[in-house]
Amino acid sequence: MKKFLLIVLMFSGLASFAQEDVTVKGNKVTMKETAPVWPGCEKETDKKTCFNKMLMQHIRENIKYSKNDKGEYIRGKATVSMKVNEEGNVEVSSVESKYPELKKEAKRLMESIPNMTPGMLAGKPKSIKYTIPLTF
């Protein structure tokens, strides 16, 4: 009877360490990763498309075009590397552009993104990295 009780306790202990969204088949472990969810996209069936649509709308509505010393709009490209952290906040890690004004505006634009539901890996919050090209 003691052996039976010991075996039951051992299996119940293993089951309590199991994680959500993790499947094990033989020696292969698969963990499901989900992307961050933009506010208002929680009920959408295609959250990725909604995320992209809302990001483009945010950029269109909030972009401010910089001018040079002559009063002309600066045209160029900027590439933003950022991540949505475990709390759902955007953190810009780098901005590449040959114009400092475009770097500054691209960083401001990405940091003004609203807080999101964070991405998940195996049911736990995980930061997700993005690289976004912008054309001014």
Protein backbone atom coordinates (compact mmCIF):
# COMPACT_ATOMS: atom_id res chain seq x y z
CA MET A 1 0.00 0.00 0.00
CA LYS A 2 2.89 2.39 0.75
CA LYS A 3 4.38 1.76 -2.70
CA PHE A 4 1.05 2.51 -4.34
CA LEU A 5 0.70 5.75 -2.39
CA LEU A 6 4.27 6.74 -3.29
CA ILE A 7 3.63 6.10 -7.00
CA VAL A 8 0.39 8.14 -6.94
CA LEU A 9 2.15 11.06 -5.22
CA MET A 10 5.00 10.93 -7.72
CA PHE A 11 2.67 11.10 -10.74
CA SER A 12 0.54 13.84 -9.22
CA GLY A 13 3.72 15.86 -8.60
CA LEU A 14 4.75 15.49 -12.24
CA ALA A 15 1.31 16.55 -13.44
CA SER A 16 1.43 19.70 -11.32
CA PHE A 17 4.57 20.86 -13.16
CA ALA A 18 2.90 20.55 -16.59
CA GLN A 19 2.53 23.80 -18.55
CA GLU A 20 -0.23 25.09 -20.76
CA ASP A 21 0.28 25.02 -24.53
CA VAL A 22 3.06 22.42 -24.28
CA THR A 23 2.80 19.08 -26.05
CA VAL A 24 5.22 16.18 -25.78
CA LYS A 25 5.40 13.42 -28.39
CA GLY A 26 8.20 10.98 -27.78
CA ASN A 27 11.35 13.06 -27.45
CA LYS A 28 9.85 16.11 -29.22
CA VAL A 29 8.56 19.03 -27.11
CA THR A 30 6.40 21.68 -28.80
CA MET A 31 5.55 25.00 -27.15
CA LYS A 32 2.88 27.28 -28.59
CA GLU A 33 3.87 30.93 -29.04
CA THR A 34 1.27 33.66 -29.47
CA ALA A 35 1.93 37.21 -30.61
CA PRO A 36 1.03 40.33 -28.64
CA VAL A 37 -2.57 41.50 -29.03
CA TRP A 38 -3.33 45.15 -29.85
CA PRO A 39 -6.02 46.76 -27.66
CA GLY A 40 -9.36 46.19 -29.37
CA CYS A 41 -8.22 43.07 -31.24
CA GLU A 42 -8.91 40.63 -28.39
CA LYS A 43 -12.17 39.36 -29.92
CA GLU A 44 -10.91 39.17 -33.51
CA THR A 45 -10.40 35.74 -35.06
CA ASP A 46 -7.28 36.84 -37.00
CA LYS A 47 -5.33 38.76 -34.36
CA LYS A 48 -2.21 39.09 -36.54
CA THR A 49 -4.09 40.89 -39.32
CA CYS A 50 -5.81 43.11 -36.75
CA PHE A 51 -2.41 43.90 -35.16
CA ASN A 52 -0.94 44.92 -38.53
CA LYS A 53 -4.01 47.02 -39.41
CA MET A 54 -3.99 48.82 -36.06
CA LEU A 55 -0.21 49.43 -36.26
CA MET A 56 -0.56 51.01 -39.72
CA GLN A 57 -3.49 53.12 -38.50
CA HIS A 58 -1.43 54.26 -35.48
CA ILE A 59 1.46 55.26 -37.75
CA ARG A 60 -0.82 57.17 -40.18
CA GLU A 61 -2.57 59.06 -37.38
CA ASN A 62 0.50 59.90 -35.26
CA ILE A 63 3.40 60.46 -37.65
CA LYS A 64 4.92 63.93 -37.75
CA TYR A 65 7.05 64.75 -40.76
CA SER A 66 10.31 66.52 -39.92
CA LYS A 67 11.62 69.55 -41.81
CA ASN A 68 15.20 70.57 -42.49
CA ASP A 69 16.74 74.04 -42.02
CA LYS A 70 15.26 75.24 -45.32
CA GLY A 71 11.74 74.25 -44.26
CA GLU A 72 11.58 71.27 -46.63
CA TYR A 73 10.26 67.92 -45.52
CA ILE A 74 12.97 65.35 -44.94
CA ARG A 75 12.47 62.24 -47.05
CA GLY A 76 14.10 58.98 -46.17
CA LYS A 77 13.83 55.63 -44.47
CA ALA A 78 14.18 54.45 -40.89
CA THR A 79 14.31 50.91 -39.58
CA VAL A 80 13.11 50.38 -36.02
CA SER A 81 14.10 47.35 -33.93
CA MET A 82 11.80 46.97 -30.96
CA LYS A 83 10.16 44.46 -28.70
CA VAL A 84 6.87 44.14 -26.87
CA ASN A 85 8.00 43.12 -23.37
CA GLU A 86 6.38 40.77 -20.84
CA GLU A 87 4.17 43.61 -19.54
CA GLY A 88 2.94 44.55 -23.05
CA ASN A 89 5.00 47.77 -23.31
CA VAL A 90 7.00 48.69 -26.40
CA GLU A 91 10.77 49.05 -25.92
CA VAL A 92 12.75 50.45 -28.85
CA SER A 93 16.23 48.92 -28.97
CA SER A 94 17.60 50.70 -32.04
CA VAL A 95 16.66 52.98 -34.94
CA GLU A 96 18.70 53.12 -38.14
CA SER A 97 18.52 56.06 -40.53
CA LYS A 98 20.97 58.50 -42.05
CA TYR A 99 18.89 61.43 -40.75
CA PRO A 100 18.87 62.10 -36.97
CA GLU A 101 15.45 63.78 -37.24
CA LEU A 102 13.92 60.63 -38.73
CA LYS A 103 15.54 58.50 -36.02
CA LYS A 104 14.02 60.69 -33.34
CA GLU A 105 10.55 60.67 -34.93
CA ALA A 106 10.58 56.91 -35.57
CA LYS A 107 11.50 56.24 -31.94
CA ARG A 108 8.82 58.62 -30.66
CA LEU A 109 6.22 57.05 -32.94
CA MET A 110 6.95 53.48 -31.83
CA GLU A 111 7.12 54.39 -28.13
CA SER A 112 3.66 55.98 -28.39
CA ILE A 113 2.10 52.59 -29.21
CA PRO A 114 -0.49 51.74 -26.52
CA ASN A 115 0.09 48.94 -24.01
CA MET A 116 -0.87 45.54 -25.37
CA THR A 117 -1.63 42.08 -24.10
CA PRO A 118 1.88 40.55 -24.12
CA GLY A 119 2.93 37.65 -26.30
CA MET A 120 2.92 34.20 -24.70
CA LEU A 121 5.15 31.15 -24.86
CA ALA A 122 3.85 27.98 -23.22
CA GLY A 123 1.20 30.05 -21.40
CA LYS A 124 3.70 32.48 -19.88
CA PRO A 125 4.33 36.12 -20.94
CA LYS A 126 7.29 36.50 -23.32
CA SER A 127 8.84 39.48 -25.07
CA ILE A 128 8.47 39.41 -28.85
CA LYS A 129 10.88 41.25 -31.17
CA TYR A 130 9.89 43.19 -34.29
CA THR A 131 11.76 45.07 -37.02
CA ILE A 132 9.66 47.73 -38.73
CA PRO A 133 10.74 49.73 -41.81
CA LEU A 134 9.30 53.24 -42.10
CA THR A 135 9.39 55.49 -45.16
CA PHE A 136 9.04 59.24 -44.62
